[in-house]
Amino acid sequence: MKTVLLEGKKPAKYDRQIVANILLDAAPEAEVRQEKMLIGLRNEAGEIYRLIGAARPNNFMNAVEELTDIGLEDELSDADGPQDGYDAIFSAG
């Protein structure tokens, strides 16, 4: 999976856990956004600061499982489909 920290956004306190638990390759934002499924991560200020792009559904589900295990909540878990281009948006709740 590919990831990018968005310019000018402060990483969340839990960002190190994410990087440690999910195998991610750094890539330019445009490249990450081209992946089939997109996960947004919010910081404590409520801003999306990191994107994770997954090429395959099983990669996406593995990332969702890891983020849930860390204790993060998916804001879009009850949504009918992607919103604003995101398949999931995780935050500390």
PDB file of N, CA and C in Angstrom:
ATOM      1  N   MET A   1       0.842  -1.173   0.000  1.00  0.00           N
ATOM      2  CA  MET A   1       0.000   0.000   0.000  1.00  0.00           C
ATOM      3  C   MET A   1       0.886   1.235   0.000  1.00  0.00           C
ATOM      4  N   LYS A   2       0.328   2.289  -0.554  1.00  0.00           N
ATOM      5  CA  LYS A   2       1.068   3.548  -0.661  1.00  0.00           C
ATOM      6  C   LYS A   2       0.497   4.558   0.324  1.00  0.00           C
ATOM      7  N   THR A   3       1.368   5.463   0.778  1.00  0.00           N
ATOM      8  CA  THR A   3       0.917   6.483   1.722  1.00  0.00           C
ATOM      9  C   THR A   3       1.633   7.796   1.469  1.00  0.00           C
ATOM     10  N   VAL A   4       1.004   8.872   1.929  1.00  0.00           N
ATOM     11  CA  VAL A   4       1.611  10.197   1.863  1.00  0.00           C
ATOM     12  C   VAL A   4       1.103  11.016   3.049  1.00  0.00           C
ATOM     13  N   LEU A   5       2.008  11.784   3.628  1.00  0.00           N
ATOM     14  CA  LEU A   5       1.626  12.786   4.626  1.00  0.00           C
ATOM     15  C   LEU A   5       1.275  14.049   3.844  1.00  0.00           C
ATOM     16  N   LEU A   6       0.116  14.623   4.104  1.00  0.00           N
ATOM     17  CA  LEU A   6      -0.304  15.810   3.375  1.00  0.00           C
ATOM     18  C   LEU A   6       0.455  17.031   3.873  1.00  0.00           C
ATOM     19  N   GLU A   7       0.910  17.808   2.924  1.00  0.00           N
ATOM     20  CA  GLU A   7       1.721  18.984   3.225  1.00  0.00           C
ATOM     21  C   GLU A   7       0.951  19.982   4.090  1.00  0.00           C
ATOM     22  N   GLY A   8       1.619  20.481   5.120  1.00  0.00           N
ATOM     23  CA  GLY A   8       1.034  21.492   5.985  1.00  0.00           C
ATOM     24  C   GLY A   8       0.098  20.956   7.060  1.00  0.00           C
ATOM     25  N   LYS A   9      -0.068  19.644   7.140  1.00  0.00           N
ATOM     26  CA  LYS A   9      -0.946  19.047   8.154  1.00  0.00           C
ATOM     27  C   LYS A   9      -0.100  18.360   9.222  1.00  0.00           C
ATOM     28  N   LYS A  10      -0.501  18.531  10.470  1.00  0.00           N
ATOM     29  CA  LYS A  10       0.233  17.945  11.590  1.00  0.00           C
ATOM     30  C   LYS A  10      -0.186  16.487  11.789  1.00  0.00           C
ATOM     31  N   PRO A  11       0.792  15.559  11.813  1.00  0.00           N
ATOM     32  CA  PRO A  11       0.447  14.149  12.061  1.00  0.00           C
ATOM     33  C   PRO A  11      -0.195  13.957  13.435  1.00  0.00           C
ATOM     34  N   ALA A  12      -1.068  12.983  13.523  1.00  0.00           N
ATOM     35  CA  ALA A  12      -1.721  12.647  14.787  1.00  0.00           C
ATOM     36  C   ALA A  12      -0.722  11.983  15.725  1.00  0.00           C
ATOM     37  N   LYS A  13      -1.041  12.008  17.001  1.00  0.00           N
ATOM     38  CA  LYS A  13      -0.176  11.388  18.008  1.00  0.00           C
ATOM     39  C   LYS A  13      -0.004   9.895  17.767  1.00  0.00           C
ATOM     40  N   TYR A  14      -1.013   9.266  17.179  1.00  0.00           N
ATOM     41  CA  TYR A  14      -0.974   7.819  16.946  1.00  0.00           C
ATOM     42  C   TYR A  14      -0.332   7.445  15.607  1.00  0.00           C
ATOM     43  N   ASP A  15       0.229   8.403  14.886  1.00  0.00           N
ATOM     44  CA  ASP A  15       0.763   8.128  13.551  1.00  0.00           C
ATOM     45  C   ASP A  15       1.891   7.091  13.571  1.00  0.00           C
ATOM     46  N   ARG A  16       2.731   7.124  14.575  1.00  0.00           N
ATOM     47  CA  ARG A  16       3.830   6.143  14.641  1.00  0.00           C
ATOM     48  C   ARG A  16       3.303   4.719  14.723  1.00  0.00           C
ATOM     49  N   GLN A  17       2.213   4.518  15.440  1.00  0.00           N
ATOM     50  CA  GLN A  17       1.599   3.192  15.536  1.00  0.00           C
ATOM     51  C   GLN A  17       1.133   2.711  14.161  1.00  0.00           C
ATOM     52  N   ILE A  18       0.569   3.620  13.390  1.00  0.00           N
ATOM     53  CA  ILE A  18       0.080   3.269  12.061  1.00  0.00           C
ATOM     54  C   ILE A  18       1.242   2.814  11.192  1.00  0.00           C
ATOM     55  N   VAL A  19       2.292   3.608  11.162  1.00  0.00           N
ATOM     56  CA  VAL A  19       3.455   3.294  10.328  1.00  0.00           C
ATOM     57  C   VAL A  19       4.120   1.994  10.787  1.00  0.00           C
ATOM     58  N   ALA A  20       4.098   1.729  12.083  1.00  0.00           N
ATOM     59  CA  ALA A  20       4.721   0.513  12.619  1.00  0.00           C
ATOM     60  C   ALA A  20       3.880  -0.735  12.325  1.00  0.00           C
ATOM     61  N   ASN A  21       2.558  -0.595  12.278  1.00  0.00           N
ATOM     62  CA  ASN A  21       1.671  -1.754  12.150  1.00  0.00           C
ATOM     63  C   ASN A  21       1.241  -2.089  10.724  1.00  0.00           C
ATOM     64  N   ILE A  22       1.372  -1.142   9.806  1.00  0.00           N
ATOM     65  CA  ILE A  22       0.925  -1.374   8.430  1.00  0.00           C
ATOM     66  C   ILE A  22       2.118  -1.176   7.498  1.00  0.00           C
ATOM     67  N   LEU A  23       2.317  -2.126   6.604  1.00  0.00           N
ATOM     68  CA  LEU A  23       3.405  -2.030   5.640  1.00  0.00           C
ATOM     69  C   LEU A  23       3.026  -1.005   4.578  1.00  0.00           C
ATOM     70  N   LEU A  24       3.690   0.146   4.608  1.00  0.00           N
ATOM     71  CA  LEU A  24       3.359   1.253   3.717  1.00  0.00           C
ATOM     72  C   LEU A  24       4.594   1.713   2.950  1.00  0.00           C
ATOM     73  N   ASP A  25       4.391   2.085   1.704  1.00  0.00           N
ATOM     74  CA  ASP A  25       5.449   2.673   0.889  1.00  0.00           C
ATOM     75  C   ASP A  25       5.106   4.130   0.650  1.00  0.00           C
ATOM     76  N   ALA A  26       6.053   5.025   0.957  1.00  0.00           N
ATOM     77  CA  ALA A  26       5.836   6.452   0.717  1.00  0.00           C
ATOM     78  C   ALA A  26       5.763   6.701  -0.789  1.00  0.00           C
ATOM     79  N   ALA A  27       4.829   7.563  -1.185  1.00  0.00           N
ATOM     80  CA  ALA A  27       4.645   7.885  -2.597  1.00  0.00           C
ATOM     81  C   ALA A  27       4.094   9.307  -2.703  1.00  0.00           C
ATOM     82  N   PRO A  28       4.218   9.928  -3.873  1.00  0.00           N
ATOM     83  CA  PRO A  28       3.625  11.254  -4.055  1.00  0.00           C
ATOM     84  C   PRO A  28       2.101  11.190  -3.912  1.00  0.00           C
ATOM     85  N   GLU A  29       1.499  12.304  -3.484  1.00  0.00           N
ATOM     86  CA  GLU A  29       0.050  12.332  -3.244  1.00  0.00           C
ATOM     87  C   GLU A  29      -0.751  11.893  -4.471  1.00  0.00           C
ATOM     88  N   ALA A  30      -0.380  12.366  -5.645  1.00  0.00           N
ATOM     89  CA  ALA A  30      -1.132  12.014  -6.858  1.00  0.00           C
ATOM     90  C   ALA A  30      -1.117  10.501  -7.094  1.00  0.00           C
ATOM     91  N   GLU A  31       0.007   9.865  -6.801  1.00  0.00           N
ATOM     92  CA  GLU A  31       0.128   8.414  -6.982  1.00  0.00           C
ATOM     93  C   GLU A  31      -0.748   7.665  -5.974  1.00  0.00           C
ATOM     94  N   VAL A  32      -0.771   8.132  -4.734  1.00  0.00           N
ATOM     95  CA  VAL A  32      -1.598   7.496  -3.700  1.00  0.00           C
ATOM     96  C   VAL A  32      -3.077   7.624  -4.075  1.00  0.00           C
ATOM     97  N   ARG A  33      -3.477   8.793  -4.552  1.00  0.00           N
ATOM     98  CA  ARG A  33      -4.880   9.024  -4.910  1.00  0.00           C
ATOM     99  C   ARG A  33      -5.330   8.187  -6.108  1.00  0.00           C
ATOM    100  N   GLN A  34      -4.403   7.641  -6.886  1.00  0.00           N
ATOM    101  CA  GLN A  34      -4.755   6.808  -8.041  1.00  0.00           C
ATOM    102  C   GLN A  34      -5.076   5.367  -7.658  1.00  0.00           C
ATOM    103  N   GLU A  35      -4.775   4.975  -6.419  1.00  0.00           N
ATOM    104  CA  GLU A  35      -5.068   3.607  -5.988  1.00  0.00           C
ATOM    105  C   GLU A  35      -6.580   3.395  -5.961  1.00  0.00           C
ATOM    106  N   LYS A  36      -7.017   2.129  -6.066  1.00  0.00           N
ATOM    107  CA  LYS A  36      -8.451   1.819  -6.145  1.00  0.00           C
ATOM    108  C   LYS A  36      -9.231   2.258  -4.921  1.00  0.00           C
ATOM    109  N   MET A  37      -8.639   2.088  -3.733  1.00  0.00           N
ATOM    110  CA  MET A  37      -9.346   2.422  -2.495  1.00  0.00           C
ATOM    111  C   MET A  37      -8.485   3.381  -1.680  1.00  0.00           C
ATOM    112  N   LEU A  38      -9.141   4.378  -1.083  1.00  0.00           N
ATOM    113  CA  LEU A  38      -8.419   5.434  -0.381  1.00  0.00           C
ATOM    114  C   LEU A  38      -8.910   5.560   1.063  1.00  0.00           C
ATOM    115  N   ILE A  39      -7.946   5.585   1.978  1.00  0.00           N
ATOM    116  CA  ILE A  39      -8.229   5.769   3.402  1.00  0.00           C
ATOM    117  C   ILE A  39      -7.639   7.111   3.817  1.00  0.00           C
ATOM    118  N   GLY A  40      -8.443   7.903   4.519  1.00  0.00           N
ATOM    119  CA  GLY A  40      -7.970   9.164   5.087  1.00  0.00           C
ATOM    120  C   GLY A  40      -7.801   9.004   6.587  1.00  0.00           C
ATOM    121  N   LEU A  41      -6.798   9.660   7.139  1.00  0.00           N
ATOM    122  CA  LEU A  41      -6.567   9.638   8.590  1.00  0.00           C
ATOM    123  C   LEU A  41      -6.629  11.060   9.123  1.00  0.00           C
ATOM    124  N   ARG A  42      -7.429  11.250  10.165  1.00  0.00           N
ATOM    125  CA  ARG A  42      -7.585  12.589  10.756  1.00  0.00           C
ATOM    126  C   ARG A  42      -6.673  12.758  11.967  1.00  0.00           C
ATOM    127  N   ASN A  43      -6.169  13.981  12.124  1.00  0.00           N
ATOM    128  CA  ASN A  43      -5.392  14.324  13.315  1.00  0.00           C
ATOM    129  C   ASN A  43      -6.336  14.862  14.394  1.00  0.00           C
ATOM    130  N   GLU A  44      -5.771  15.263  15.500  1.00  0.00           N
ATOM    131  CA  GLU A  44      -6.583  15.756  16.623  1.00  0.00           C
ATOM    132  C   GLU A  44      -7.354  17.028  16.290  1.00  0.00           C
ATOM    133  N   ALA A  45      -6.895  17.778  15.281  1.00  0.00           N
ATOM    134  CA  ALA A  45      -7.588  19.004  14.863  1.00  0.00           C
ATOM    135  C   ALA A  45      -8.735  18.707  13.893  1.00  0.00           C
ATOM    136  N   GLY A  46      -8.910  17.424  13.538  1.00  0.00           N
ATOM    137  CA  GLY A  46      -9.980  17.039  12.635  1.00  0.00           C
ATOM    138  C   GLY A  46      -9.621  17.133  11.162  1.00  0.00           C
ATOM    139  N   GLU A  47      -8.350  17.404  10.857  1.00  0.00           N
ATOM    140  CA  GLU A  47      -7.897  17.509   9.472  1.00  0.00           C
ATOM    141  C   GLU A  47      -7.374  16.160   8.983  1.00  0.00           C
ATOM    142  N   ILE A  48      -7.656  15.842   7.741  1.00  0.00           N
ATOM    143  CA  ILE A  48      -7.052  14.647   7.152  1.00  0.00           C
ATOM    144  C   ILE A  48      -5.595  14.983   6.873  1.00  0.00           C
ATOM    145  N   TYR A  49      -4.699  14.229   7.488  1.00  0.00           N
ATOM    146  CA  TYR A  49      -3.261  14.513   7.387  1.00  0.00           C
ATOM    147  C   TYR A  49      -2.481  13.435   6.648  1.00  0.00           C
ATOM    148  N   ARG A  50      -3.029  12.234   6.540  1.00  0.00           N
ATOM    149  CA  ARG A  50      -2.345  11.133   5.852  1.00  0.00           C
ATOM    150  C   ARG A  50      -3.340  10.404   4.977  1.00  0.00           C
ATOM    151  N   LEU A  51      -2.876   9.991   3.805  1.00  0.00           N
ATOM    152  CA  LEU A  51      -3.674   9.161   2.909  1.00  0.00           C
ATOM    153  C   LEU A  51      -2.997   7.809   2.790  1.00  0.00           C
ATOM    154  N   ILE A  52      -3.811   6.768   2.717  1.00  0.00           N
ATOM    155  CA  ILE A  52      -3.319   5.423   2.437  1.00  0.00           C
ATOM    156  C   ILE A  52      -4.109   4.925   1.239  1.00  0.00           C
ATOM    157  N   GLY A  53      -3.390   4.493   0.212  1.00  0.00           N
ATOM    158  CA  GLY A  53      -4.028   3.965  -0.981  1.00  0.00           C
ATOM    159  C   GLY A  53      -3.824   2.465  -1.073  1.00  0.00           C
ATOM    160  N   ALA A  54      -4.894   1.748  -1.330  1.00  0.00           N
ATOM    161  CA  ALA A  54      -4.830   0.282  -1.445  1.00  0.00           C
ATOM    162  C   ALA A  54      -5.230  -0.118  -2.860  1.00  0.00           C
ATOM    163  N   ALA A  55      -4.414  -0.960  -3.478  1.00  0.00           N
ATOM    164  CA  ALA A  55      -4.680  -1.401  -4.849  1.00  0.00           C
ATOM    165  C   ALA A  55      -5.734  -2.504  -4.901  1.00  0.00           C
ATOM    166  N   ARG A  56      -5.806  -3.317  -3.839  1.00  0.00           N
ATOM    167  CA  ARG A  56      -6.729  -4.464  -3.832  1.00  0.00           C
ATOM    168  C   ARG A  56      -7.609  -4.439  -2.581  1.00  0.00           C
ATOM    169  N   PRO A  57      -8.820  -4.982  -2.681  1.00  0.00           N
ATOM    170  CA  PRO A  57      -9.724  -5.009  -1.524  1.00  0.00           C
ATOM    171  C   PRO A  57      -9.123  -5.694  -0.290  1.00  0.00           C
ATOM    172  N   ASN A  58      -8.340  -6.756  -0.488  1.00  0.00           N
ATOM    173  CA  ASN A  58      -7.771  -7.423   0.692  1.00  0.00           C
ATOM    174  C   ASN A  58      -6.741  -6.539   1.392  1.00  0.00           C
ATOM    175  N   ASN A  59      -5.992  -5.720   0.632  1.00  0.00           N
ATOM    176  CA  ASN A  59      -5.075  -4.764   1.254  1.00  0.00           C
ATOM    177  C   ASN A  59      -5.856  -3.738   2.069  1.00  0.00           C
ATOM    178  N   PHE A  60      -6.949  -3.268   1.485  1.00  0.00           N
ATOM    179  CA  PHE A  60      -7.803  -2.297   2.158  1.00  0.00           C
ATOM    180  C   PHE A  60      -8.344  -2.875   3.464  1.00  0.00           C
ATOM    181  N   MET A  61      -8.847  -4.097   3.407  1.00  0.00           N
ATOM    182  CA  MET A  61      -9.422  -4.718   4.606  1.00  0.00           C
ATOM    183  C   MET A  61      -8.353  -4.955   5.672  1.00  0.00           C
ATOM    184  N   ASN A  62      -7.150  -5.331   5.266  1.00  0.00           N
ATOM    185  CA  ASN A  62      -6.056  -5.499   6.233  1.00  0.00           C
ATOM    186  C   ASN A  62      -5.744  -4.178   6.927  1.00  0.00           C
ATOM    187  N   ALA A  63      -5.701  -3.091   6.165  1.00  0.00           N
ATOM    188  CA  ALA A  63      -5.433  -1.771   6.749  1.00  0.00           C
ATOM    189  C   ALA A  63      -6.548  -1.372   7.711  1.00  0.00           C
ATOM    190  N   VAL A  64      -7.800  -1.588   7.303  1.00  0.00           N
ATOM    191  CA  VAL A  64      -8.947  -1.261   8.160  1.00  0.00           C
ATOM    192  C   VAL A  64      -8.866  -2.042   9.468  1.00  0.00           C
ATOM    193  N   GLU A  65      -8.532  -3.321   9.386  1.00  0.00           N
ATOM    194  CA  GLU A  65      -8.413  -4.155  10.582  1.00  0.00           C
ATOM    195  C   GLU A  65      -7.306  -3.644  11.513  1.00  0.00           C
ATOM    196  N   GLU A  66      -6.163  -3.299  10.946  1.00  0.00           N
ATOM    197  CA  GLU A  66      -5.051  -2.785  11.758  1.00  0.00           C
ATOM    198  C   GLU A  66      -5.421  -1.460  12.422  1.00  0.00           C
ATOM    199  N   LEU A  67      -6.063  -0.567  11.670  1.00  0.00           N
ATOM    200  CA  LEU A  67      -6.450   0.734  12.222  1.00  0.00           C
ATOM    201  C   LEU A  67      -7.487   0.569  13.333  1.00  0.00           C
ATOM    202  N   THR A  68      -8.391  -0.371  13.166  1.00  0.00           N
ATOM    203  CA  THR A  68      -9.397  -0.656  14.199  1.00  0.00           C
ATOM    204  C   THR A  68      -8.717  -1.233  15.437  1.00  0.00           C
ATOM    205  N   ASP A  69      -7.738  -2.123  15.225  1.00  0.00           N
ATOM    206  CA  ASP A  69      -6.999  -2.723  16.352  1.00  0.00           C
ATOM    207  C   ASP A  69      -6.257  -1.672  17.163  1.00  0.00           C
ATOM    208  N   ILE A  70      -5.801  -0.602  16.505  1.00  0.00           N
ATOM    209  CA  ILE A  70      -5.108   0.492  17.195  1.00  0.00           C
ATOM    210  C   ILE A  70      -6.097   1.270  18.066  1.00  0.00           C
ATOM    211  N   GLY A  71      -7.392   1.149  17.748  1.00  0.00           N
ATOM    212  CA  GLY A  71      -8.415   1.851  18.513  1.00  0.00           C
ATOM    213  C   GLY A  71      -9.033   3.015  17.768  1.00  0.00           C
ATOM    214  N   LEU A  72      -8.767   3.103  16.465  1.00  0.00           N
ATOM    215  CA  LEU A  72      -9.337   4.187  15.667  1.00  0.00           C
ATOM    216  C   LEU A  72     -10.715   3.774  15.151  1.00  0.00           C
ATOM    217  N   GLU A  73     -11.530   4.782  14.834  1.00  0.00           N
ATOM    218  CA  GLU A  73     -12.890   4.541  14.359  1.00  0.00           C
ATOM    219  C   GLU A  73     -13.044   5.040  12.932  1.00  0.00           C
ATOM    220  N   ASP A  74     -13.760   4.264  12.125  1.00  0.00           N
ATOM    221  CA  ASP A  74     -14.029   4.639  10.740  1.00  0.00           C
ATOM    222  C   ASP A  74     -15.314   5.455  10.680  1.00  0.00           C
ATOM    223  N   GLU A  75     -15.197   6.716  10.316  1.00  0.00           N
ATOM    224  CA  GLU A  75     -16.354   7.611  10.231  1.00  0.00           C
ATOM    225  C   GLU A  75     -17.337   7.156   9.147  1.00  0.00           C
ATOM    226  N   LEU A  76     -16.848   6.419   8.172  1.00  0.00           N
ATOM    227  CA  LEU A  76     -17.687   6.025   7.041  1.00  0.00           C
ATOM    228  C   LEU A  76     -18.200   4.590   7.145  1.00  0.00           C
ATOM    229  N   SER A  77     -18.054   3.961   8.303  1.00  0.00           N
ATOM    230  CA  SER A  77     -18.443   2.552   8.436  1.00  0.00           C
ATOM    231  C   SER A  77     -19.922   2.325   8.157  1.00  0.00           C
ATOM    232  N   ASP A  78     -20.766   3.316   8.401  1.00  0.00           N
ATOM    233  CA  ASP A  78     -22.201   3.176   8.148  1.00  0.00           C
ATOM    234  C   ASP A  78     -22.633   3.797   6.820  1.00  0.00           C
ATOM    235  N   ALA A  79     -21.681   4.331   6.067  1.00  0.00           N
ATOM    236  CA  ALA A  79     -22.005   4.982   4.790  1.00  0.00           C
ATOM    237  C   ALA A  79     -22.323   3.940   3.722  1.00  0.00           C
ATOM    238  N   ASP A  80     -23.121   4.344   2.747  1.00  0.00           N
ATOM    239  CA  ASP A  80     -23.512   3.443   1.660  1.00  0.00           C
ATOM    240  C   ASP A  80     -22.386   3.216   0.662  1.00  0.00           C
ATOM    241  N   GLY A  81     -21.432   4.113   0.632  1.00  0.00           N
ATOM    242  CA  GLY A  81     -20.329   4.005  -0.316  1.00  0.00           C
ATOM    243  C   GLY A  81     -19.300   5.078  -0.028  1.00  0.00           C
ATOM    244  N   PRO A  82     -18.325   5.214  -0.903  1.00  0.00           N
ATOM    245  CA  PRO A  82     -17.285   6.231  -0.695  1.00  0.00           C
ATOM    246  C   PRO A  82     -17.876   7.634  -0.581  1.00  0.00           C
ATOM    247  N   GLN A  83     -17.218   8.475   0.205  1.00  0.00           N
ATOM    248  CA  GLN A  83     -17.633   9.873   0.342  1.00  0.00           C
ATOM    249  C   GLN A  83     -16.424  10.764   0.126  1.00  0.00           C
ATOM    250  N   ASP A  84     -16.594  11.772  -0.709  1.00  0.00           N
ATOM    251  CA  ASP A  84     -15.530  12.721  -1.049  1.00  0.00           C
ATOM    252  C   ASP A  84     -14.271  12.003  -1.524  1.00  0.00           C
ATOM    253  N   GLY A  85     -14.445  10.856  -2.162  1.00  0.00           N
ATOM    254  CA  GLY A  85     -13.311  10.112  -2.689  1.00  0.00           C
ATOM    255  C   GLY A  85     -12.680   9.146  -1.718  1.00  0.00           C
ATOM    256  N   TYR A  86     -13.151   9.112  -0.480  1.00  0.00           N
ATOM    257  CA  TYR A  86     -12.585   8.229   0.545  1.00  0.00           C
ATOM    258  C   TYR A  86     -13.483   7.008   0.764  1.00  0.00           C
ATOM    259  N   ASP A  87     -12.836   5.850   0.861  1.00  0.00           N
ATOM    260  CA  ASP A  87     -13.563   4.629   1.183  1.00  0.00           C
ATOM    261  C   ASP A  87     -13.662   4.441   2.695  1.00  0.00           C
ATOM    262  N   ALA A  88     -12.754   5.073   3.427  1.00  0.00           N
ATOM    263  CA  ALA A  88     -12.759   5.044   4.900  1.00  0.00           C
ATOM    264  C   ALA A  88     -12.036   6.298   5.386  1.00  0.00           C
ATOM    265  N   ILE A  89     -12.475   6.832   6.512  1.00  0.00           N
ATOM    266  CA  ILE A  89     -11.782   7.942   7.172  1.00  0.00           C
ATOM    267  C   ILE A  89     -11.688   7.568   8.650  1.00  0.00           C
ATOM    268  N   PHE A  90     -10.465   7.430   9.123  1.00  0.00           N
ATOM    269  CA  PHE A  90     -10.235   7.013  10.506  1.00  0.00           C
ATOM    270  C   PHE A  90      -9.785   8.182  11.377  1.00  0.00           C
ATOM    271  N   SER A  91     -10.258   8.146  12.611  1.00  0.00           N
ATOM    272  CA  SER A  91      -9.840   9.138  13.601  1.00  0.00           C
ATOM    273  C   SER A  91      -9.915   8.493  14.993  1.00  0.00           C
ATOM    274  N   ALA A  92      -9.421   9.214  15.961  1.00  0.00           N
ATOM    275  CA  ALA A  92      -9.417   8.700  17.332  1.00  0.00           C
ATOM    276  C   ALA A  92     -10.807   8.710  17.943  1.00  0.00           C
ATOM    277  N   GLY A  93     -11.768   9.263  17.236  1.00  0.00           N
ATOM    278  CA  GLY A  93     -13.152   9.229  17.715  1.00  0.00           C
ATOM    279  C   GLY A  93     -13.424  10.282  18.629  1.00  0.00           C
TER     280      GLY A  93
END
